C-alpha atoms as a PDB file:
ATOM      1  CA  MET A   1      89.332 -70.178  -2.668  1.00  0.00           C
ATOM      2  CA  THR A   2      89.952 -66.507  -1.884  1.00  0.00           C
ATOM      3  CA  SER A   3      86.443 -65.154  -2.536  1.00  0.00           C
ATOM      4  CA  TYR A   4      88.104 -62.097  -4.073  1.00  0.00           C
ATOM      5  CA  LEU A   5      89.500 -60.937  -0.729  1.00  0.00           C
ATOM      6  CA  MET A   6      91.060 -57.442  -0.655  1.00  0.00           C
ATOM      7  CA  THR A   7      92.450 -57.261   2.854  1.00  0.00           C
ATOM      8  CA  ASP A   8      94.717 -54.214   3.278  1.00  0.00           C
ATOM      9  CA  ARG A   9      93.956 -52.931  -0.223  1.00  0.00           C
ATOM     10  CA  VAL A  10      93.164 -49.237  -0.738  1.00  0.00           C
ATOM     11  CA  ALA A  11      90.455 -48.480  -3.298  1.00  0.00           C
ATOM     12  CA  ILE A  12      89.019 -45.372  -4.925  1.00  0.00           C
ATOM     13  CA  VAL A  13      85.419 -45.328  -6.142  1.00  0.00           C
ATOM     14  CA  THR A  14      84.272 -42.198  -7.963  1.00  0.00           C
ATOM     15  CA  GLY A  15      80.592 -41.303  -7.997  1.00  0.00           C
ATOM     16  CA  GLY A  16      80.430 -43.490  -4.919  1.00  0.00           C
ATOM     17  CA  ALA A  17      77.693 -41.762  -2.952  1.00  0.00           C
ATOM     18  CA  ARG A  18      74.701 -43.544  -4.454  1.00  0.00           C
ATOM     19  CA  GLY A  19      73.456 -46.032  -7.002  1.00  0.00           C
ATOM     20  CA  ILE A  20      75.997 -48.274  -8.682  1.00  0.00           C
ATOM     21  CA  GLY A  21      78.926 -46.434  -7.107  1.00  0.00           C
ATOM     22  CA  ARG A  22      77.599 -46.932  -3.601  1.00  0.00           C
ATOM     23  CA  GLY A  23      77.028 -50.605  -4.332  1.00  0.00           C
ATOM     24  CA  ILE A  24      80.625 -50.962  -5.523  1.00  0.00           C
ATOM     25  CA  ALA A  25      82.043 -49.149  -2.495  1.00  0.00           C
ATOM     26  CA  LEU A  26      80.105 -51.353  -0.089  1.00  0.00           C
ATOM     27  CA  GLU A  27      81.089 -54.514  -1.959  1.00  0.00           C
ATOM     28  CA  LEU A  28      84.809 -53.721  -1.996  1.00  0.00           C
ATOM     29  CA  ALA A  29      84.733 -52.839   1.701  1.00  0.00           C
ATOM     30  CA  SER A  30      82.901 -56.069   2.507  1.00  0.00           C
ATOM     31  CA  ARG A  31      85.877 -57.917   1.013  1.00  0.00           C
ATOM     32  CA  GLY A  32      88.380 -56.039   3.166  1.00  0.00           C
ATOM     33  CA  ALA A  33      89.312 -52.933   1.181  1.00  0.00           C
ATOM     34  CA  ARG A  34      89.619 -49.472   2.664  1.00  0.00           C
ATOM     35  CA  VAL A  35      87.604 -47.288   0.296  1.00  0.00           C
ATOM     36  CA  ALA A  36      87.983 -43.631  -0.584  1.00  0.00           C
ATOM     37  CA  VAL A  37      84.469 -42.706  -1.688  1.00  0.00           C
ATOM     38  CA  LEU A  38      84.632 -39.720  -4.048  1.00  0.00           C
ATOM     39  CA  ASP A  39      81.603 -37.719  -5.121  1.00  0.00           C
ATOM     40  CA  VAL A  40      80.527 -34.152  -5.810  1.00  0.00           C
ATOM     41  CA  ASN A  41      78.325 -34.530  -2.703  1.00  0.00           C
ATOM     42  CA  GLN A  42      80.804 -34.943   0.138  1.00  0.00           C
ATOM     43  CA  GLU A  43      78.163 -35.461   2.815  1.00  0.00           C
ATOM     44  CA  ALA A  44      76.624 -38.344   0.877  1.00  0.00           C
ATOM     45  CA  ALA A  45      80.088 -39.729   0.114  1.00  0.00           C
ATOM     46  CA  GLN A  46      80.948 -39.750   3.803  1.00  0.00           C
ATOM     47  CA  GLU A  47      77.668 -41.480   4.642  1.00  0.00           C
ATOM     48  CA  THR A  48      78.499 -44.258   2.179  1.00  0.00           C
ATOM     49  CA  ALA A  49      82.015 -44.495   3.611  1.00  0.00           C
ATOM     50  CA  GLU A  50      80.647 -44.861   7.138  1.00  0.00           C
ATOM     51  CA  ALA A  51      78.269 -47.583   5.951  1.00  0.00           C
ATOM     52  CA  ALA A  52      81.214 -49.341   4.287  1.00  0.00           C
ATOM     53  CA  GLY A  53      83.424 -49.357   7.369  1.00  0.00           C
ATOM     54  CA  ASN A  54      87.074 -50.482   7.255  1.00  0.00           C
ATOM     55  CA  ASP A  55      88.231 -46.924   8.004  1.00  0.00           C
ATOM     56  CA  SER A  56      86.791 -45.820   4.667  1.00  0.00           C
ATOM     57  CA  PHE A  57      86.282 -42.097   4.096  1.00  0.00           C
ATOM     58  CA  GLY A  58      84.450 -39.714   1.790  1.00  0.00           C
ATOM     59  CA  LEU A  59      85.898 -36.791  -0.135  1.00  0.00           C
ATOM     60  CA  ALA A  60      84.396 -34.204  -2.465  1.00  0.00           C
ATOM     61  CA  LEU A  61      85.580 -34.374  -6.067  1.00  0.00           C
ATOM     62  CA  ASP A  62      84.398 -33.104  -9.428  1.00  0.00           C
ATOM     63  CA  VAL A  63      86.220 -35.497 -11.753  1.00  0.00           C
ATOM     64  CA  ALA A  64      85.994 -32.997 -14.617  1.00  0.00           C
ATOM     65  CA  GLN A  65      88.432 -30.675 -12.807  1.00  0.00           C
ATOM     66  CA  ARG A  66      91.961 -31.889 -13.518  1.00  0.00           C
ATOM     67  CA  GLU A  67      93.637 -29.907 -10.753  1.00  0.00           C
ATOM     68  CA  ASP A  68      91.163 -31.242  -8.199  1.00  0.00           C
ATOM     69  CA  VAL A  69      91.752 -34.813  -9.373  1.00  0.00           C
ATOM     70  CA  ASP A  70      95.511 -34.482  -8.928  1.00  0.00           C
ATOM     71  CA  ARG A  71      95.078 -32.856  -5.511  1.00  0.00           C
ATOM     72  CA  VAL A  72      92.655 -35.477  -4.188  1.00  0.00           C
ATOM     73  CA  VAL A  73      94.730 -38.397  -5.494  1.00  0.00           C
ATOM     74  CA  ALA A  74      97.802 -36.943  -3.750  1.00  0.00           C
ATOM     75  CA  GLU A  75      95.759 -36.504  -0.557  1.00  0.00           C
ATOM     76  CA  ILE A  76      94.649 -40.150  -0.621  1.00  0.00           C
ATOM     77  CA  ILE A  77      98.208 -41.377  -1.166  1.00  0.00           C
ATOM     78  CA  GLU A  78      99.399 -39.202   1.732  1.00  0.00           C
ATOM     79  CA  ARG A  79      96.604 -40.495   3.944  1.00  0.00           C
ATOM     80  CA  CYS A  80      96.737 -44.193   3.040  1.00  0.00           C
ATOM     81  CA  GLY A  81     100.262 -44.703   1.723  1.00  0.00           C
ATOM     82  CA  ARG A  82      99.147 -46.115  -1.623  1.00  0.00           C
ATOM     83  CA  ILE A  83      96.256 -46.777  -4.006  1.00  0.00           C
ATOM     84  CA  ASP A  84      95.715 -50.353  -5.200  1.00  0.00           C
ATOM     85  CA  ILE A  85      92.300 -50.199  -6.888  1.00  0.00           C
ATOM     86  CA  LEU A  86      90.663 -47.499  -8.993  1.00  0.00           C
ATOM     87  CA  VAL A  87      87.005 -47.713 -10.001  1.00  0.00           C
ATOM     88  CA  ASN A  88      85.906 -44.914 -12.323  1.00  0.00           C
ATOM     89  CA  ASN A  89      82.136 -44.845 -11.912  1.00  0.00           C
ATOM     90  CA  ALA A  90      81.260 -41.127 -11.868  1.00  0.00           C
ATOM     91  CA  GLY A  91      79.017 -40.143 -14.747  1.00  0.00           C
ATOM     92  CA  ILE A  92      76.199 -37.885 -15.854  1.00  0.00           C
ATOM     93  CA  ASN A  93      73.765 -37.888 -18.746  1.00  0.00           C
ATOM     94  CA  ARG A  94      72.249 -34.933 -20.593  1.00  0.00           C
ATOM     95  CA  ASP A  95      70.047 -36.658 -23.160  1.00  0.00           C
ATOM     96  CA  SER A  96      68.791 -34.888 -26.261  1.00  0.00           C
ATOM     97  CA  MET A  97      68.259 -35.591 -29.923  1.00  0.00           C
ATOM     98  CA  LEU A  98      71.197 -34.602 -32.119  1.00  0.00           C
ATOM     99  CA  TRP A  99      69.526 -31.531 -33.643  1.00  0.00           C
ATOM    100  CA  LYS A 100      68.516 -30.242 -30.228  1.00  0.00           C
ATOM    101  CA  MET A 101      71.717 -31.008 -28.305  1.00  0.00           C
ATOM    102  CA  THR A 102      73.521 -27.926 -27.050  1.00  0.00           C
ATOM    103  CA  ASP A 103      77.255 -27.419 -26.748  1.00  0.00           C
ATOM    104  CA  GLU A 104      76.838 -27.432 -22.965  1.00  0.00           C
ATOM    105  CA  GLN A 105      75.085 -30.802 -23.020  1.00  0.00           C
ATOM    106  CA  TRP A 106      77.846 -32.251 -25.156  1.00  0.00           C
ATOM    107  CA  ASP A 107      80.762 -30.657 -23.277  1.00  0.00           C
ATOM    108  CA  SER A 108      79.520 -31.483 -19.769  1.00  0.00           C
ATOM    109  CA  VAL A 109      79.008 -35.184 -20.510  1.00  0.00           C
ATOM    110  CA  ILE A 110      82.354 -35.548 -22.265  1.00  0.00           C
ATOM    111  CA  ALA A 111      84.075 -33.697 -19.405  1.00  0.00           C
ATOM    112  CA  VAL A 112      82.711 -35.948 -16.665  1.00  0.00           C
ATOM    113  CA  ASP A 113      82.198 -39.287 -18.401  1.00  0.00           C
ATOM    114  CA  LEU A 114      85.378 -39.375 -20.498  1.00  0.00           C
ATOM    115  CA  SER A 115      87.888 -36.693 -19.509  1.00  0.00           C
ATOM    116  CA  GLY A 116      87.288 -37.450 -15.831  1.00  0.00           C
ATOM    117  CA  VAL A 117      88.143 -41.107 -16.415  1.00  0.00           C
ATOM    118  CA  PHE A 118      91.337 -40.079 -18.203  1.00  0.00           C
ATOM    119  CA  TYR A 119      92.389 -37.714 -15.402  1.00  0.00           C
ATOM    120  CA  LEU A 120      91.932 -40.403 -12.746  1.00  0.00           C
ATOM    121  CA  CYS A 121      93.615 -43.119 -14.803  1.00  0.00           C
ATOM    122  CA  ARG A 122      96.598 -40.870 -15.472  1.00  0.00           C
ATOM    123  CA  ALA A 123      97.046 -39.720 -11.882  1.00  0.00           C
ATOM    124  CA  VAL A 124      96.426 -43.087 -10.229  1.00  0.00           C
ATOM    125  CA  GLY A 125      98.052 -45.125 -13.008  1.00  0.00           C
ATOM    126  CA  THR A 126     101.285 -43.160 -12.611  1.00  0.00           C
ATOM    127  CA  HIS A 127     101.268 -43.976  -8.899  1.00  0.00           C
ATOM    128  CA  MET A 128     100.485 -47.653  -9.577  1.00  0.00           C
ATOM    129  CA  ARG A 129     103.397 -47.904 -12.004  1.00  0.00           C
ATOM    130  CA  GLY A 130     105.715 -46.888  -9.208  1.00  0.00           C
ATOM    131  CA  ASN A 131     104.248 -49.584  -6.964  1.00  0.00           C
ATOM    132  CA  GLY A 132     104.262 -52.277  -9.645  1.00  0.00           C
ATOM    133  CA  TYR A 133     100.665 -53.249  -8.925  1.00  0.00           C
ATOM    134  CA  GLY A 134      97.152 -52.021  -9.646  1.00  0.00           C
ATOM    135  CA  ARG A 135      93.592 -52.797 -10.656  1.00  0.00           C
ATOM    136  CA  ILE A 136      91.629 -50.299 -12.763  1.00  0.00           C
ATOM    137  CA  VAL A 137      87.951 -50.877 -13.518  1.00  0.00           C
ATOM    138  CA  ASN A 138      86.122 -48.316 -15.640  1.00  0.00           C
ATOM    139  CA  VAL A 139      82.333 -48.265 -15.661  1.00  0.00           C
ATOM    140  CA  ALA A 140      81.154 -47.730 -19.228  1.00  0.00           C
ATOM    141  CA  SER A 141      77.601 -48.543 -20.342  1.00  0.00           C
ATOM    142  CA  ALA A 142      75.687 -50.742 -22.743  1.00  0.00           C
ATOM    143  CA  SER A 143      74.850 -47.414 -24.439  1.00  0.00           C
ATOM    144  CA  TRP A 144      78.396 -47.162 -25.825  1.00  0.00           C
ATOM    145  CA  MET A 145      77.082 -49.098 -28.829  1.00  0.00           C
ATOM    146  CA  GLY A 146      74.733 -46.212 -29.620  1.00  0.00           C
ATOM    147  CA  ASN A 147      71.327 -45.161 -28.336  1.00  0.00           C
ATOM    148  CA  ILE A 148      68.697 -42.671 -29.493  1.00  0.00           C
ATOM    149  CA  GLY A 149      69.010 -39.335 -27.722  1.00  0.00           C
ATOM    150  CA  GLN A 150      72.435 -40.137 -26.285  1.00  0.00           C
ATOM    151  CA  THR A 151      74.987 -38.971 -28.835  1.00  0.00           C
ATOM    152  CA  ASN A 152      77.088 -37.383 -26.092  1.00  0.00           C
ATOM    153  CA  TYR A 153      76.738 -40.224 -23.589  1.00  0.00           C
ATOM    154  CA  ALA A 154      77.380 -42.983 -26.150  1.00  0.00           C
ATOM    155  CA  ALA A 155      80.432 -41.144 -27.497  1.00  0.00           C
ATOM    156  CA  ALA A 156      81.847 -40.729 -24.004  1.00  0.00           C
ATOM    157  CA  LYS A 157      81.265 -44.354 -23.024  1.00  0.00           C
ATOM    158  CA  ALA A 158      82.695 -45.626 -26.312  1.00  0.00           C
ATOM    159  CA  GLY A 159      85.711 -43.474 -25.513  1.00  0.00           C
ATOM    160  CA  VAL A 160      85.994 -45.151 -22.117  1.00  0.00           C
ATOM    161  CA  VAL A 161      86.097 -48.555 -23.816  1.00  0.00           C
ATOM    162  CA  GLY A 162      88.892 -47.453 -26.164  1.00  0.00           C
ATOM    163  CA  LEU A 163      90.776 -45.764 -23.341  1.00  0.00           C
ATOM    164  CA  THR A 164      90.551 -48.893 -21.200  1.00  0.00           C
ATOM    165  CA  ARG A 165      91.842 -51.189 -23.913  1.00  0.00           C
ATOM    166  CA  SER A 166      94.730 -48.829 -24.643  1.00  0.00           C
ATOM    167  CA  ILE A 167      95.900 -48.365 -21.059  1.00  0.00           C
ATOM    168  CA  SER A 168      95.605 -52.096 -20.411  1.00  0.00           C
ATOM    169  CA  LYS A 169      98.427 -52.567 -22.926  1.00  0.00           C
ATOM    170  CA  GLU A 170     100.468 -49.636 -21.638  1.00  0.00           C
ATOM    171  CA  LEU A 171     100.325 -50.684 -17.976  1.00  0.00           C
ATOM    172  CA  ALA A 172     100.449 -54.469 -18.236  1.00  0.00           C
ATOM    173  CA  ARG A 173     104.211 -54.815 -17.735  1.00  0.00           C
ATOM    174  CA  LYS A 174     103.862 -53.184 -14.318  1.00  0.00           C
ATOM    175  CA  THR A 175     101.336 -55.836 -13.191  1.00  0.00           C
ATOM    176  CA  ILE A 176      98.449 -53.398 -13.567  1.00  0.00           C
ATOM    177  CA  THR A 177      95.214 -54.588 -15.141  1.00  0.00           C
ATOM    178  CA  ALA A 178      92.535 -52.387 -16.695  1.00  0.00           C
ATOM    179  CA  ASN A 179      89.059 -53.580 -17.618  1.00  0.00           C
ATOM    180  CA  ALA A 180      85.674 -52.035 -18.343  1.00  0.00           C
ATOM    181  CA  VAL A 181      82.184 -53.094 -17.328  1.00  0.00           C
ATOM    182  CA  CYS A 182      79.060 -52.103 -19.238  1.00  0.00           C
ATOM    183  CA  PRO A 183      75.930 -52.140 -17.077  1.00  0.00           C
ATOM    184  CA  GLY A 184      72.634 -52.512 -18.877  1.00  0.00           C
ATOM    185  CA  PHE A 185      69.322 -51.500 -17.314  1.00  0.00           C
ATOM    186  CA  ILE A 186      70.086 -51.154 -13.600  1.00  0.00           C
ATOM    187  CA  GLU A 187      67.512 -50.125 -11.003  1.00  0.00           C
ATOM    188  CA  THR A 188      68.734 -46.852  -9.489  1.00  0.00           C
ATOM    189  CA  ASP A 189      67.160 -43.551  -8.423  1.00  0.00           C
ATOM    190  CA  MET A 190      67.284 -42.424 -12.055  1.00  0.00           C
ATOM    191  CA  THR A 191      65.573 -45.473 -13.566  1.00  0.00           C
ATOM    192  CA  ARG A 192      63.012 -45.698 -10.767  1.00  0.00           C
ATOM    193  CA  GLY A 193      61.910 -42.195 -11.767  1.00  0.00           C
ATOM    194  CA  MET A 194      61.031 -43.281 -15.307  1.00  0.00           C
ATOM    195  CA  PRO A 195      57.389 -43.447 -16.428  1.00  0.00           C
ATOM    196  CA  GLU A 196      56.024 -46.947 -15.883  1.00  0.00           C
ATOM    197  CA  ASP A 197      55.500 -47.645 -19.585  1.00  0.00           C
ATOM    198  CA  LEU A 198      59.108 -46.744 -20.410  1.00  0.00           C
ATOM    199  CA  PHE A 199      60.413 -48.785 -17.490  1.00  0.00           C
ATOM    200  CA  ASN A 200      58.443 -51.822 -18.640  1.00  0.00           C
ATOM    201  CA  ALA A 201      59.617 -51.318 -22.212  1.00  0.00           C
ATOM    202  CA  GLN A 202      63.196 -51.636 -20.990  1.00  0.00           C
ATOM    203  CA  LEU A 203      62.347 -54.801 -19.064  1.00  0.00           C
ATOM    204  CA  ASP A 204      61.016 -56.313 -22.279  1.00  0.00           C
ATOM    205  CA  LYS A 205      64.548 -56.101 -23.716  1.00  0.00           C
ATOM    206  CA  ILE A 206      66.060 -58.200 -20.914  1.00  0.00           C
ATOM    207  CA  PRO A 207      65.974 -61.993 -21.392  1.00  0.00           C
ATOM    208  CA  LEU A 208      66.392 -62.564 -17.640  1.00  0.00           C
ATOM    209  CA  GLY A 209      63.200 -60.581 -17.103  1.00  0.00           C
ATOM    210  CA  ARG A 210      64.281 -58.112 -14.439  1.00  0.00           C
ATOM    211  CA  ALA A 211      66.218 -54.920 -13.982  1.00  0.00           C
ATOM    212  CA  GLY A 212      69.687 -55.297 -12.583  1.00  0.00           C
ATOM    213  CA  GLU A 213      70.660 -54.149  -9.116  1.00  0.00           C
ATOM    214  CA  PRO A 214      73.809 -52.219  -8.139  1.00  0.00           C
ATOM    215  CA  ALA A 215      75.030 -55.374  -6.401  1.00  0.00           C
ATOM    216  CA  ASP A 216      74.964 -57.226  -9.732  1.00  0.00           C
ATOM    217  CA  VAL A 217      77.493 -54.753 -11.087  1.00  0.00           C
ATOM    218  CA  ALA A 218      79.460 -54.524  -7.851  1.00  0.00           C
ATOM    219  CA  ARG A 219      80.196 -58.232  -7.698  1.00  0.00           C
ATOM    220  CA  VAL A 220      81.700 -58.240 -11.193  1.00  0.00           C
ATOM    221  CA  VAL A 221      83.768 -55.156 -10.363  1.00  0.00           C
ATOM    222  CA  ALA A 222      84.979 -56.871  -7.175  1.00  0.00           C
ATOM    223  CA  PHE A 223      86.210 -59.837  -9.197  1.00  0.00           C
ATOM    224  CA  LEU A 224      88.083 -57.625 -11.655  1.00  0.00           C
ATOM    225  CA  ALA A 225      89.582 -55.618  -8.774  1.00  0.00           C
ATOM    226  CA  SER A 226      90.836 -58.739  -7.014  1.00  0.00           C
ATOM    227  CA  ASP A 227      93.930 -60.891  -7.382  1.00  0.00           C
ATOM    228  CA  ASP A 228      91.688 -63.651  -8.741  1.00  0.00           C
ATOM    229  CA  ALA A 229      91.493 -61.618 -11.962  1.00  0.00           C
ATOM    230  CA  ALA A 230      95.254 -61.164 -12.270  1.00  0.00           C
ATOM    231  CA  TYR A 231      95.223 -62.589 -15.820  1.00  0.00           C
ATOM    232  CA  VAL A 232      92.228 -60.584 -17.042  1.00  0.00           C
ATOM    233  CA  THR A 233      92.985 -57.259 -18.687  1.00  0.00           C
ATOM    234  CA  GLY A 234      91.703 -55.205 -21.611  1.00  0.00           C
ATOM    235  CA  GLU A 235      88.284 -56.832 -21.380  1.00  0.00           C
ATOM    236  CA  VAL A 236      84.833 -55.242 -21.714  1.00  0.00           C
ATOM    237  CA  ILE A 237      82.167 -57.126 -19.781  1.00  0.00           C
ATOM    238  CA  ASN A 238      78.448 -56.555 -20.287  1.00  0.00           C
ATOM    239  CA  ILE A 239      76.319 -56.772 -17.151  1.00  0.00           C
ATOM    240  CA  GLY A 240      72.745 -56.640 -18.308  1.00  0.00           C
ATOM    241  CA  GLY A 241      70.946 -59.952 -18.109  1.00  0.00           C
ATOM    242  CA  GLY A 242      71.238 -60.265 -21.875  1.00  0.00           C
ATOM    243  CA  TYR A 243      69.972 -56.689 -22.373  1.00  0.00           C
ATOM    244  CA  LYS A 244      69.854 -55.548 -25.997  1.00  0.00           C
ATOM    245  CA  LEU A 245      69.549 -51.918 -27.077  1.00  0.00           C
END
């Protein structure tokens, strides 16, 4: 029984400074991984890295900027020698009804939530192919199936699902797996700021009767990022306590 150990593995977690990303970074480190915590807020990323331990470190990165992605990935490889695990968690939402949604709201969400995932997968996946090993876990969302006021977000997350399934087939022969997780209603800074009636309305949709916690997502990600999941690829796993949109 390995308990999903990741001793000597090097992991990247984007959007790792808080919420689900922080939970994932801490979980991977607790299993032995050295984690590069990437976030637009470098100070917060470094704080998470220090909490994680294992010589983890924080770096600033806007995943929507392709040149920055390539530069930071190269910096991590130079610093650590390799990258074994990639967790694409960074994401934003700019909710609006279709007839009110601006080009900026659409473009910014697609840039971060979809293009950013592609940039990281391409840069890190190319490196993993050379090593003949890798674990890629992309954080999508239950909203990929469609949600009122989230045309941009749902489109981006649906794109992440399709991207994940495609690269899982392209990278499989190099012993690289790629899977997606779809968190449901998770208690984070964003959801805690919701009006009480809306929060409770979301709880009513969850058969298990509670909001999820970042750790609930992190433990599933840890499994998929481990050698225990060596024969799992191209899968999309819902993490929502039975949550239904």
